[in-house]
Amino acid sequence: METMVALTIFAILVTAVLTVYVQGYASYHANNQKIEVQENLRIALNRISRDLRQAKSGLIIYKQDGSPANDGTGTKISFLTASGENIMYGYDPADKEVEVKRYAAGNFQPVVSNIEGLEFQFNSDTKLVTIYIKGIKQNSNPPVACEMSTKVQARAY
């Protein structure tokens, strides 16, 4: 009888410890997924902002279909740097990537993945480019999403 009581108490303790461990691991995994998405967003924002700050002229924002955005809002942006390099950043919805095209290289190269959306807004009065980016990690359960934005003062217009 005493053995049965001891085994029951032991089983309850082991179950409680395992429950705390599993919940802690799930929380750790979810936080790691969120950190990965945030890191991708920061990398994209930092690269785009850095290049945009060096823009000399020719700032054009395009819609997803490649036509110039007359309202200043689109998913692609191109500009000419002080060194004379033509750069275009854009969102590829098929691969869910932010891509960059440096015209010397000739084709788009991925910057970051797990991106759900990218939008550029240009205010011609203040010469501010606002960059909105949304990332999502689909293979986590539940999917982890995050959004970030930044504003860059454009020297070029």
N, C-alpha and C. Protein backbone atom coordinates (compact mmCIF):
# COMPACT_ATOMS: atom_id res chain seq x y z
N MET A 1 0.81 -1.19 0.00
CA MET A 1 0.00 0.00 0.00
C MET A 1 0.86 1.26 0.00
N GLU A 2 1.88 1.28 0.84
CA GLU A 2 2.76 2.44 0.91
C GLU A 2 3.52 2.63 -0.41
N THR A 3 3.84 1.53 -1.05
CA THR A 3 4.53 1.59 -2.34
C THR A 3 3.62 2.22 -3.39
N MET A 4 2.36 1.88 -3.39
CA MET A 4 1.41 2.45 -4.34
C MET A 4 1.26 3.96 -4.14
N VAL A 5 1.20 4.42 -2.92
CA VAL A 5 1.08 5.85 -2.63
C VAL A 5 2.35 6.57 -3.10
N ALA A 6 3.49 5.98 -2.83
CA ALA A 6 4.76 6.59 -3.24
C ALA A 6 4.86 6.66 -4.77
N LEU A 7 4.46 5.59 -5.46
CA LEU A 7 4.49 5.59 -6.91
C LEU A 7 3.51 6.61 -7.49
N THR A 8 2.35 6.76 -6.89
CA THR A 8 1.38 7.75 -7.36
C THR A 8 1.92 9.16 -7.19
N ILE A 9 2.49 9.46 -6.05
CA ILE A 9 3.09 10.78 -5.81
C ILE A 9 4.24 11.02 -6.78
N PHE A 10 5.06 10.01 -7.00
CA PHE A 10 6.18 10.13 -7.93
C PHE A 10 5.66 10.39 -9.36
N ALA A 11 4.63 9.69 -9.78
CA ALA A 11 4.06 9.87 -11.11
C ALA A 11 3.49 11.28 -11.27
N ILE A 12 2.85 11.80 -10.26
CA ILE A 12 2.30 13.16 -10.30
C ILE A 12 3.44 14.17 -10.42
N LEU A 13 4.50 13.98 -9.67
CA LEU A 13 5.65 14.89 -9.72
C LEU A 13 6.34 14.85 -11.09
N VAL A 14 6.52 13.67 -11.63
CA VAL A 14 7.15 13.54 -12.95
C VAL A 14 6.28 14.19 -14.01
N THR A 15 4.99 14.01 -13.94
CA THR A 15 4.07 14.62 -14.90
C THR A 15 4.14 16.15 -14.80
N ALA A 16 4.18 16.68 -13.61
CA ALA A 16 4.25 18.13 -13.42
C ALA A 16 5.56 18.68 -13.98
N VAL A 17 6.66 18.01 -13.72
CA VAL A 17 7.97 18.46 -14.21
C VAL A 17 8.00 18.41 -15.74
N LEU A 18 7.51 17.33 -16.32
CA LEU A 18 7.49 17.21 -17.78
C LEU A 18 6.59 18.27 -18.42
N THR A 19 5.47 18.57 -17.80
CA THR A 19 4.57 19.60 -18.33
C THR A 19 5.26 20.96 -18.35
N VAL A 20 5.94 21.31 -17.26
CA VAL A 20 6.67 22.58 -17.20
C VAL A 20 7.77 22.60 -18.25
N TYR A 21 8.48 21.50 -18.42
CA TYR A 21 9.55 21.42 -19.42
C TYR A 21 9.01 21.61 -20.84
N VAL A 22 7.93 20.92 -21.18
CA VAL A 22 7.35 20.99 -22.53
C VAL A 22 6.84 22.40 -22.81
N GLN A 23 6.18 23.02 -21.85
CA GLN A 23 5.69 24.39 -22.03
C GLN A 23 6.86 25.37 -22.18
N GLY A 24 7.90 25.18 -21.42
CA GLY A 24 9.08 26.04 -21.53
C GLY A 24 9.76 25.90 -22.88
N TYR A 25 9.84 24.68 -23.36
CA TYR A 25 10.46 24.45 -24.68
C TYR A 25 9.61 25.07 -25.79
N ALA A 26 8.30 24.93 -25.68
CA ALA A 26 7.41 25.51 -26.70
C ALA A 26 7.55 27.03 -26.71
N SER A 27 7.64 27.63 -25.55
CA SER A 27 7.82 29.08 -25.46
C SER A 27 9.17 29.50 -26.04
N TYR A 28 10.20 28.75 -25.73
CA TYR A 28 11.54 29.02 -26.26
C TYR A 28 11.54 28.94 -27.79
N HIS A 29 10.91 27.91 -28.34
CA HIS A 29 10.86 27.71 -29.78
C HIS A 29 10.08 28.85 -30.46
N ALA A 30 8.95 29.24 -29.88
CA ALA A 30 8.15 30.34 -30.45
C ALA A 30 8.94 31.64 -30.44
N ASN A 31 9.65 31.92 -29.36
CA ASN A 31 10.46 33.14 -29.28
C ASN A 31 11.59 33.11 -30.30
N ASN A 32 12.21 31.96 -30.50
CA ASN A 32 13.27 31.85 -31.50
C ASN A 32 12.74 32.12 -32.91
N GLN A 33 11.54 31.63 -33.20
CA GLN A 33 10.94 31.87 -34.51
C GLN A 33 10.67 33.36 -34.70
N LYS A 34 10.15 34.01 -33.66
CA LYS A 34 9.86 35.44 -33.74
C LYS A 34 11.16 36.24 -33.91
N ILE A 35 12.19 35.86 -33.20
CA ILE A 35 13.49 36.54 -33.32
C ILE A 35 14.03 36.39 -34.73
N GLU A 36 13.88 35.22 -35.33
CA GLU A 36 14.36 35.01 -36.69
C GLU A 36 13.64 35.90 -37.69
N VAL A 37 12.32 36.02 -37.54
CA VAL A 37 11.55 36.90 -38.43
C VAL A 37 11.98 38.35 -38.23
N GLN A 38 12.10 38.79 -36.98
CA GLN A 38 12.53 40.16 -36.69
C GLN A 38 13.92 40.44 -37.25
N GLU A 39 14.80 39.48 -37.14
CA GLU A 39 16.16 39.65 -37.66
C GLU A 39 16.14 39.84 -39.17
N ASN A 40 15.33 39.04 -39.87
CA ASN A 40 15.20 39.20 -41.33
C ASN A 40 14.68 40.58 -41.69
N LEU A 41 13.68 41.05 -40.95
CA LEU A 41 13.12 42.37 -41.23
C LEU A 41 14.15 43.46 -41.00
N ARG A 42 14.90 43.36 -39.91
CA ARG A 42 15.94 44.36 -39.62
C ARG A 42 17.02 44.38 -40.69
N ILE A 43 17.43 43.20 -41.13
CA ILE A 43 18.46 43.13 -42.17
C ILE A 43 17.98 43.82 -43.44
N ALA A 44 16.74 43.52 -43.84
CA ALA A 44 16.19 44.15 -45.06
C ALA A 44 16.09 45.66 -44.89
N LEU A 45 15.54 46.11 -43.78
CA LEU A 45 15.39 47.56 -43.56
C LEU A 45 16.75 48.26 -43.52
N ASN A 46 17.72 47.65 -42.87
CA ASN A 46 19.05 48.27 -42.79
C ASN A 46 19.72 48.37 -44.16
N ARG A 47 19.63 47.31 -44.95
CA ARG A 47 20.26 47.34 -46.28
C ARG A 47 19.58 48.35 -47.20
N ILE A 48 18.26 48.33 -47.22
CA ILE A 48 17.54 49.28 -48.08
C ILE A 48 17.82 50.71 -47.63
N SER A 49 17.74 50.96 -46.34
CA SER A 49 17.97 52.31 -45.80
C SER A 49 19.38 52.80 -46.10
N ARG A 50 20.35 51.94 -45.91
CA ARG A 50 21.74 52.32 -46.16
C ARG A 50 21.94 52.74 -47.61
N ASP A 51 21.45 51.91 -48.53
CA ASP A 51 21.59 52.24 -49.95
C ASP A 51 20.78 53.48 -50.32
N LEU A 52 19.59 53.61 -49.75
CA LEU A 52 18.73 54.75 -50.07
C LEU A 52 19.33 56.07 -49.59
N ARG A 53 20.02 56.03 -48.46
CA ARG A 53 20.68 57.25 -47.96
C ARG A 53 21.80 57.71 -48.89
N GLN A 54 22.34 56.80 -49.67
CA GLN A 54 23.42 57.14 -50.61
C GLN A 54 22.88 57.49 -52.00
N ALA A 55 21.56 57.50 -52.14
CA ALA A 55 20.96 57.79 -53.44
C ALA A 55 21.28 59.23 -53.85
N LYS A 56 21.64 59.35 -55.10
CA LYS A 56 21.99 60.66 -55.65
C LYS A 56 20.86 61.24 -56.48
N SER A 57 20.22 60.40 -57.28
CA SER A 57 19.13 60.88 -58.14
C SER A 57 18.32 59.71 -58.64
N GLY A 58 17.25 60.03 -59.38
CA GLY A 58 16.47 59.01 -60.07
C GLY A 58 15.62 58.14 -59.19
N LEU A 59 15.14 58.68 -58.07
CA LEU A 59 14.29 57.90 -57.17
C LEU A 59 12.93 57.67 -57.81
N ILE A 60 12.61 56.38 -58.05
CA ILE A 60 11.32 56.01 -58.66
C ILE A 60 10.74 54.84 -57.87
N ILE A 61 9.46 54.95 -57.55
CA ILE A 61 8.75 53.86 -56.89
C ILE A 61 7.82 53.21 -57.92
N TYR A 62 7.80 51.88 -57.93
CA TYR A 62 7.02 51.12 -58.89
C TYR A 62 5.96 50.29 -58.19
N LYS A 63 4.87 50.03 -58.91
CA LYS A 63 3.87 49.08 -58.45
C LYS A 63 4.40 47.67 -58.67
N GLN A 64 3.67 46.68 -58.16
CA GLN A 64 4.09 45.28 -58.31
C GLN A 64 4.21 44.87 -59.76
N ASP A 65 3.37 45.45 -60.63
CA ASP A 65 3.41 45.08 -62.05
C ASP A 65 4.55 45.74 -62.81
N GLY A 66 5.33 46.59 -62.15
CA GLY A 66 6.48 47.23 -62.78
C GLY A 66 6.22 48.61 -63.32
N SER A 67 4.99 49.08 -63.27
CA SER A 67 4.69 50.43 -63.76
C SER A 67 4.98 51.46 -62.66
N PRO A 68 5.42 52.65 -63.04
CA PRO A 68 5.70 53.69 -62.03
C PRO A 68 4.44 54.01 -61.22
N ALA A 69 4.63 54.21 -59.92
CA ALA A 69 3.52 54.52 -59.03
C ALA A 69 3.35 56.03 -58.96
N ASN A 70 2.29 56.54 -59.56
CA ASN A 70 2.06 57.97 -59.57
C ASN A 70 1.70 58.53 -58.20
N ASP A 71 1.14 57.68 -57.34
CA ASP A 71 0.76 58.14 -56.00
C ASP A 71 1.89 58.01 -54.99
N GLY A 72 3.07 57.55 -55.41
CA GLY A 72 4.22 57.44 -54.51
C GLY A 72 4.22 56.22 -53.63
N THR A 73 3.35 55.26 -53.90
CA THR A 73 3.26 54.04 -53.08
C THR A 73 3.42 52.83 -53.99
N GLY A 74 4.36 51.95 -53.63
CA GLY A 74 4.58 50.76 -54.43
C GLY A 74 5.41 49.72 -53.71
N THR A 75 5.72 48.64 -54.42
CA THR A 75 6.46 47.53 -53.83
C THR A 75 7.91 47.44 -54.33
N LYS A 76 8.29 48.37 -55.20
CA LYS A 76 9.67 48.40 -55.70
C LYS A 76 10.16 49.84 -55.69
N ILE A 77 11.46 49.99 -55.54
CA ILE A 77 12.06 51.32 -55.56
C ILE A 77 13.40 51.22 -56.29
N SER A 78 13.69 52.22 -57.11
CA SER A 78 14.99 52.25 -57.79
C SER A 78 15.56 53.65 -57.64
N PHE A 79 16.88 53.71 -57.69
CA PHE A 79 17.58 54.98 -57.55
C PHE A 79 19.01 54.82 -58.03
N LEU A 80 19.67 55.94 -58.22
CA LEU A 80 21.06 55.99 -58.67
C LEU A 80 21.90 56.46 -57.49
N THR A 81 22.96 55.72 -57.16
CA THR A 81 23.81 56.09 -56.03
C THR A 81 24.84 57.13 -56.46
N ALA A 82 25.52 57.70 -55.48
CA ALA A 82 26.54 58.71 -55.76
C ALA A 82 27.68 58.12 -56.60
N SER A 83 27.90 56.82 -56.49
CA SER A 83 28.96 56.17 -57.28
C SER A 83 28.49 55.84 -58.70
N GLY A 84 27.21 56.15 -59.02
CA GLY A 84 26.70 55.90 -60.36
C GLY A 84 26.04 54.55 -60.55
N GLU A 85 25.89 53.80 -59.48
CA GLU A 85 25.28 52.48 -59.56
C GLU A 85 23.76 52.59 -59.47
N ASN A 86 23.06 51.94 -60.38
CA ASN A 86 21.60 51.92 -60.37
C ASN A 86 21.16 50.70 -59.55
N ILE A 87 20.32 50.94 -58.53
CA ILE A 87 19.89 49.88 -57.62
C ILE A 87 18.38 49.83 -57.60
N MET A 88 17.83 48.63 -57.56
CA MET A 88 16.39 48.45 -57.40
C MET A 88 16.14 47.41 -56.31
N TYR A 89 15.26 47.75 -55.36
CA TYR A 89 14.80 46.81 -54.35
C TYR A 89 13.34 46.51 -54.63
N GLY A 90 12.94 45.26 -54.40
CA GLY A 90 11.56 44.90 -54.62
C GLY A 90 11.16 43.66 -53.85
N TYR A 91 9.87 43.41 -53.88
CA TYR A 91 9.29 42.25 -53.21
C TYR A 91 8.89 41.21 -54.25
N ASP A 92 9.32 39.98 -54.04
CA ASP A 92 8.94 38.87 -54.92
C ASP A 92 7.92 38.01 -54.18
N PRO A 93 6.62 38.15 -54.53
CA PRO A 93 5.60 37.38 -53.80
C PRO A 93 5.68 35.88 -54.04
N ALA A 94 6.21 35.46 -55.17
CA ALA A 94 6.30 34.02 -55.45
C ALA A 94 7.27 33.34 -54.49
N ASP A 95 8.44 33.95 -54.28
CA ASP A 95 9.44 33.37 -53.38
C ASP A 95 9.39 33.95 -51.97
N LYS A 96 8.51 34.94 -51.77
CA LYS A 96 8.38 35.62 -50.48
C LYS A 96 9.72 36.16 -50.00
N GLU A 97 10.36 36.94 -50.90
CA GLU A 97 11.69 37.48 -50.63
C GLU A 97 11.75 38.97 -50.95
N VAL A 98 12.62 39.66 -50.24
CA VAL A 98 13.04 40.99 -50.67
C VAL A 98 14.26 40.76 -51.54
N GLU A 99 14.25 41.37 -52.72
CA GLU A 99 15.34 41.18 -53.67
C GLU A 99 15.96 42.51 -54.04
N VAL A 100 17.22 42.46 -54.42
CA VAL A 100 17.94 43.65 -54.88
C VAL A 100 18.51 43.36 -56.25
N LYS A 101 18.44 44.38 -57.09
CA LYS A 101 19.05 44.29 -58.42
C LYS A 101 20.04 45.44 -58.53
N ARG A 102 21.28 45.07 -58.62
CA ARG A 102 22.33 46.05 -58.90
C ARG A 102 22.62 45.90 -60.38
N TYR A 103 22.35 46.94 -61.13
CA TYR A 103 22.33 46.80 -62.58
C TYR A 103 23.66 46.35 -63.16
N ALA A 104 24.75 46.52 -62.43
CA ALA A 104 26.03 45.99 -62.90
C ALA A 104 25.98 44.46 -62.88
N ALA A 105 25.28 43.88 -61.89
CA ALA A 105 25.17 42.42 -61.79
C ALA A 105 24.14 41.87 -62.77
N GLY A 106 23.09 42.64 -63.04
CA GLY A 106 22.15 42.27 -64.07
C GLY A 106 20.90 41.52 -63.68
N ASN A 107 20.84 40.89 -62.51
CA ASN A 107 19.63 40.17 -62.13
C ASN A 107 19.35 40.33 -60.64
N PHE A 108 18.14 40.00 -60.25
CA PHE A 108 17.75 40.14 -58.85
C PHE A 108 18.41 39.07 -57.98
N GLN A 109 18.87 39.49 -56.82
CA GLN A 109 19.45 38.60 -55.83
C GLN A 109 18.63 38.71 -54.55
N PRO A 110 18.38 37.59 -53.86
CA PRO A 110 17.61 37.67 -52.61
C PRO A 110 18.39 38.37 -51.51
N VAL A 111 17.67 39.16 -50.73
CA VAL A 111 18.25 39.82 -49.55
C VAL A 111 17.84 39.04 -48.31
N VAL A 112 16.53 38.85 -48.13
CA VAL A 112 15.99 38.05 -47.02
C VAL A 112 14.75 37.31 -47.50
N SER A 113 14.40 36.25 -46.78
CA SER A 113 13.22 35.46 -47.12
C SER A 113 12.22 35.50 -45.97
N ASN A 114 11.14 34.76 -46.12
CA ASN A 114 10.03 34.74 -45.16
C ASN A 114 9.38 36.10 -45.03
N ILE A 115 9.23 36.78 -46.17
CA ILE A 115 8.63 38.11 -46.20
C ILE A 115 7.21 37.99 -46.77
N GLU A 116 6.29 38.63 -46.12
CA GLU A 116 4.89 38.60 -46.53
C GLU A 116 4.51 39.84 -47.33
N GLY A 117 5.23 40.94 -47.14
CA GLY A 117 4.91 42.15 -47.88
C GLY A 117 5.98 43.22 -47.70
N LEU A 118 6.11 44.08 -48.71
CA LEU A 118 7.06 45.20 -48.68
C LEU A 118 6.38 46.36 -49.40
N GLU A 119 6.42 47.52 -48.78
CA GLU A 119 5.80 48.69 -49.40
C GLU A 119 6.67 49.92 -49.16
N PHE A 120 6.79 50.72 -50.21
CA PHE A 120 7.50 51.99 -50.14
C PHE A 120 6.48 53.11 -50.33
N GLN A 121 6.59 54.15 -49.51
CA GLN A 121 5.76 55.34 -49.68
C GLN A 121 6.68 56.54 -49.71
N PHE A 122 6.54 57.36 -50.75
CA PHE A 122 7.38 58.55 -50.89
C PHE A 122 6.52 59.79 -50.76
N ASN A 123 6.93 60.67 -49.85
CA ASN A 123 6.27 61.96 -49.67
C ASN A 123 7.15 63.01 -50.33
N SER A 124 6.70 63.56 -51.45
CA SER A 124 7.53 64.50 -52.22
C SER A 124 7.70 65.83 -51.50
N ASP A 125 6.80 66.17 -50.58
CA ASP A 125 6.93 67.43 -49.84
C ASP A 125 8.07 67.36 -48.82
N THR A 126 8.13 66.28 -48.06
CA THR A 126 9.16 66.13 -47.02
C THR A 126 10.37 65.35 -47.51
N LYS A 127 10.27 64.74 -48.70
CA LYS A 127 11.31 63.87 -49.25
C LYS A 127 11.63 62.70 -48.31
N LEU A 128 10.60 62.19 -47.67
CA LEU A 128 10.75 61.03 -46.80
C LEU A 128 10.23 59.79 -47.51
N VAL A 129 11.03 58.73 -47.45
CA VAL A 129 10.60 57.42 -47.94
C VAL A 129 10.29 56.57 -46.71
N THR A 130 9.05 56.11 -46.61
CA THR A 130 8.67 55.23 -45.53
C THR A 130 8.65 53.81 -46.08
N ILE A 131 9.33 52.91 -45.36
CA ILE A 131 9.42 51.52 -45.78
C ILE A 131 8.66 50.67 -44.76
N TYR A 132 7.67 49.93 -45.25
CA TYR A 132 6.90 49.00 -44.42
C TYR A 132 7.25 47.59 -44.88
N ILE A 133 7.51 46.73 -43.91
CA ILE A 133 7.84 45.35 -44.25
C ILE A 133 7.16 44.41 -43.25
N LYS A 134 6.66 43.30 -43.77
CA LYS A 134 6.00 42.30 -42.94
C LYS A 134 6.62 40.95 -43.21
N GLY A 135 6.98 40.26 -42.15
CA GLY A 135 7.56 38.93 -42.28
C GLY A 135 6.69 37.90 -41.58
N ILE A 136 6.81 36.68 -42.04
CA ILE A 136 6.03 35.59 -41.44
C ILE A 136 6.83 34.29 -41.54
N LYS A 137 6.78 33.53 -40.50
CA LYS A 137 7.42 32.21 -40.48
C LYS A 137 6.30 31.18 -40.56
N GLN A 138 6.09 30.61 -41.74
CA GLN A 138 4.95 29.74 -41.98
C GLN A 138 5.10 28.36 -41.35
N ASN A 139 6.32 27.86 -41.24
CA ASN A 139 6.49 26.48 -40.79
C ASN A 139 6.47 26.34 -39.27
N SER A 140 6.11 27.39 -38.56
CA SER A 140 5.95 27.27 -37.11
C SER A 140 4.46 27.15 -36.81
N ASN A 141 4.14 26.57 -35.69
CA ASN A 141 2.74 26.37 -35.34
C ASN A 141 2.44 27.05 -34.02
N PRO A 142 1.70 28.12 -33.99
CA PRO A 142 1.08 28.83 -35.11
C PRO A 142 2.11 29.67 -35.86
N PRO A 143 1.81 30.10 -37.10
CA PRO A 143 2.75 30.95 -37.84
C PRO A 143 3.07 32.24 -37.06
N VAL A 144 4.33 32.65 -37.13
CA VAL A 144 4.78 33.84 -36.41
C VAL A 144 4.90 34.98 -37.41
N ALA A 145 4.21 36.10 -37.13
CA ALA A 145 4.25 37.26 -38.02
C ALA A 145 4.76 38.48 -37.26
N CYS A 146 5.38 39.37 -37.99
CA CYS A 146 5.93 40.59 -37.40
C CYS A 146 5.97 41.66 -38.48
N GLU A 147 5.80 42.92 -38.07
CA GLU A 147 5.87 44.04 -39.00
C GLU A 147 6.83 45.08 -38.46
N MET A 148 7.50 45.77 -39.36
CA MET A 148 8.40 46.86 -39.00
C MET A 148 8.31 47.94 -40.06
N SER A 149 8.72 49.13 -39.69
CA SER A 149 8.79 50.22 -40.66
C SER A 149 9.90 51.18 -40.26
N THR A 150 10.34 51.95 -41.22
CA THR A 150 11.33 52.99 -40.95
C THR A 150 11.13 54.10 -41.97
N LYS A 151 11.66 55.25 -41.65
CA LYS A 151 11.61 56.39 -42.56
C LYS A 151 13.02 56.81 -42.89
N VAL A 152 13.23 57.12 -44.17
CA VAL A 152 14.56 57.52 -44.65
C VAL A 152 14.42 58.84 -45.38
N GLN A 153 15.26 59.78 -45.01
CA GLN A 153 15.30 61.06 -45.71
C GLN A 153 16.02 60.88 -47.04
N ALA A 154 15.30 61.12 -48.13
CA ALA A 154 15.89 60.93 -49.45
C ALA A 154 16.57 62.21 -49.89
N ARG A 155 17.82 62.10 -50.28
CA ARG A 155 18.53 63.25 -50.86
C ARG A 155 18.19 63.39 -52.34
N ALA A 156 17.87 62.26 -52.93
CA ALA A 156 17.60 62.25 -54.37
C ALA A 156 16.11 62.36 -54.61
N TYR A 157 15.79 63.00 -55.72
CA TYR A 157 14.39 63.02 -56.13
C TYR A 157 14.32 63.32 -57.60
